[in-house]
Amino acid sequence: MFAIERDAQIAVLRQTHFERSQTLANVPAGSRSHGRLLVECEDISDEIDRLKRCIDIPRSVALAVPVLLAVLVLALVS
């Protein structure tokens, strides 16, 4: 489920990045709005990269790991 949500977020961010890039191409270089749009495009690109690096771990596995650790700790203590 997480991978689908992540992919949907990436698709929305790519569309937003495309739109901002088109606007950026029509703004004079060196202007304040150009600088703001450039920073916004870089932030969007960074967020896309961050989402791509996310690892898809099933929720059941994520919930099972703490339980297994607790069982191991109890076994070692006993």
C-alpha atoms as a PDB file:
ATOM      1  CA  MET A   1       0.000   0.000   0.000  1.00  0.00           C
ATOM      2  CA  PHE A   2       2.823   2.380   0.874  1.00  0.00           C
ATOM      3  CA  ALA A   3       4.452   1.941  -2.544  1.00  0.00           C
ATOM      4  CA  ILE A   4       1.231   2.979  -4.286  1.00  0.00           C
ATOM      5  CA  GLU A   5       0.904   6.085  -2.115  1.00  0.00           C
ATOM      6  CA  ARG A   6       4.585   6.904  -2.639  1.00  0.00           C
ATOM      7  CA  ASP A   7       4.279   6.506  -6.412  1.00  0.00           C
ATOM      8  CA  ALA A   8       1.184   8.725  -6.432  1.00  0.00           C
ATOM      9  CA  GLN A   9       3.050  11.401  -4.471  1.00  0.00           C
ATOM     10  CA  ILE A  10       5.980  11.193  -6.865  1.00  0.00           C
ATOM     11  CA  ALA A  11       3.635  11.577  -9.846  1.00  0.00           C
ATOM     12  CA  VAL A  12       2.023  14.677  -8.333  1.00  0.00           C
ATOM     13  CA  LEU A  13       5.425  16.172  -7.499  1.00  0.00           C
ATOM     14  CA  ARG A  14       6.700  15.505 -11.034  1.00  0.00           C
ATOM     15  CA  GLN A  15       3.674  17.275 -12.499  1.00  0.00           C
ATOM     16  CA  THR A  16       4.184  20.212 -10.131  1.00  0.00           C
ATOM     17  CA  HIS A  17       7.893  20.309 -11.001  1.00  0.00           C
ATOM     18  CA  PHE A  18       7.060  20.324 -14.713  1.00  0.00           C
ATOM     19  CA  GLU A  19       4.625  23.219 -14.285  1.00  0.00           C
ATOM     20  CA  ARG A  20       7.077  25.245 -12.172  1.00  0.00           C
ATOM     21  CA  SER A  21       9.851  24.570 -14.678  1.00  0.00           C
ATOM     22  CA  GLN A  22       7.710  25.901 -17.516  1.00  0.00           C
ATOM     23  CA  THR A  23       7.016  29.045 -15.504  1.00  0.00           C
ATOM     24  CA  LEU A  24      10.690  29.339 -14.614  1.00  0.00           C
ATOM     25  CA  ALA A  25      11.651  29.259 -18.298  1.00  0.00           C
ATOM     26  CA  ASN A  26       9.507  32.351 -18.919  1.00  0.00           C
ATOM     27  CA  VAL A  27      10.832  34.424 -16.001  1.00  0.00           C
ATOM     28  CA  PRO A  28      13.880  36.654 -16.504  1.00  0.00           C
ATOM     29  CA  ALA A  29      17.021  35.159 -14.981  1.00  0.00           C
ATOM     30  CA  GLY A  30      18.290  37.005 -11.924  1.00  0.00           C
ATOM     31  CA  SER A  31      14.892  38.329 -10.845  1.00  0.00           C
ATOM     32  CA  ARG A  32      13.499  37.588  -7.370  1.00  0.00           C
ATOM     33  CA  SER A  33      10.717  35.433  -8.769  1.00  0.00           C
ATOM     34  CA  HIS A  34      13.272  33.456 -10.807  1.00  0.00           C
ATOM     35  CA  GLY A  35      15.272  32.775  -7.658  1.00  0.00           C
ATOM     36  CA  ARG A  36      12.181  31.701  -5.711  1.00  0.00           C
ATOM     37  CA  LEU A  37      10.993  29.411  -8.487  1.00  0.00           C
ATOM     38  CA  LEU A  38      14.458  27.911  -8.829  1.00  0.00           C
ATOM     39  CA  VAL A  39      14.576  27.128  -5.099  1.00  0.00           C
ATOM     40  CA  GLU A  40      11.057  25.677  -5.268  1.00  0.00           C
ATOM     41  CA  CYS A  41      12.020  23.442  -8.199  1.00  0.00           C
ATOM     42  CA  GLU A  42      15.103  22.236  -6.339  1.00  0.00           C
ATOM     43  CA  ASP A  43      13.021  21.496  -3.234  1.00  0.00           C
ATOM     44  CA  ILE A  44      10.511  19.519  -5.294  1.00  0.00           C
ATOM     45  CA  SER A  45      13.331  17.594  -6.950  1.00  0.00           C
ATOM     46  CA  ASP A  46      14.873  16.813  -3.549  1.00  0.00           C
ATOM     47  CA  GLU A  47      11.514  15.560  -2.257  1.00  0.00           C
ATOM     48  CA  ILE A  48      11.133  13.300  -5.303  1.00  0.00           C
ATOM     49  CA  ASP A  49      14.618  11.882  -4.672  1.00  0.00           C
ATOM     50  CA  ARG A  50      13.795  11.333  -0.989  1.00  0.00           C
ATOM     51  CA  LEU A  51      10.601   9.470  -1.856  1.00  0.00           C
ATOM     52  CA  LYS A  52      12.454   7.306  -4.381  1.00  0.00           C
ATOM     53  CA  ARG A  53      14.888   6.234  -1.663  1.00  0.00           C
ATOM     54  CA  CYS A  54      12.089   5.083   0.673  1.00  0.00           C
ATOM     55  CA  ILE A  55      12.032   1.351   1.209  1.00  0.00           C
ATOM     56  CA  ASP A  56       8.722  -0.435   0.979  1.00  0.00           C
ATOM     57  CA  ILE A  57       8.377  -2.556   4.126  1.00  0.00           C
ATOM     58  CA  PRO A  58       5.063  -4.338   4.628  1.00  0.00           C
ATOM     59  CA  ARG A  59       3.179  -3.114   7.699  1.00  0.00           C
ATOM     60  CA  SER A  60       2.988  -6.636   9.141  1.00  0.00           C
ATOM     61  CA  VAL A  61       6.787  -6.923   9.080  1.00  0.00           C
ATOM     62  CA  ALA A  62       7.202  -3.496  10.660  1.00  0.00           C
ATOM     63  CA  LEU A  63       4.871  -4.541  13.489  1.00  0.00           C
ATOM     64  CA  ALA A  64       6.436  -7.976  13.928  1.00  0.00           C
ATOM     65  CA  VAL A  65      10.002  -6.744  14.456  1.00  0.00           C
ATOM     66  CA  PRO A  66       9.373  -5.054  17.861  1.00  0.00           C
ATOM     67  CA  VAL A  67       7.430  -8.115  19.029  1.00  0.00           C
ATOM     68  CA  LEU A  68      10.279 -10.426  18.066  1.00  0.00           C
ATOM     69  CA  LEU A  69      12.799  -8.178  19.803  1.00  0.00           C
ATOM     70  CA  ALA A  70      10.689  -8.186  22.967  1.00  0.00           C
ATOM     71  CA  VAL A  71      10.502 -11.992  22.893  1.00  0.00           C
ATOM     72  CA  LEU A  72      14.268 -12.239  22.456  1.00  0.00           C
ATOM     73  CA  VAL A  73      14.917  -9.839  25.333  1.00  0.00           C
ATOM     74  CA  LEU A  74      12.555 -11.798  27.587  1.00  0.00           C
ATOM     75  CA  ALA A  75      14.254 -15.053  26.599  1.00  0.00           C
ATOM     76  CA  LEU A  76      17.676 -13.613  27.421  1.00  0.00           C
ATOM     77  CA  VAL A  77      16.526 -12.204  30.753  1.00  0.00           C
ATOM     78  CA  SER A  78      14.891 -15.475  31.880  1.00  0.00           C
END
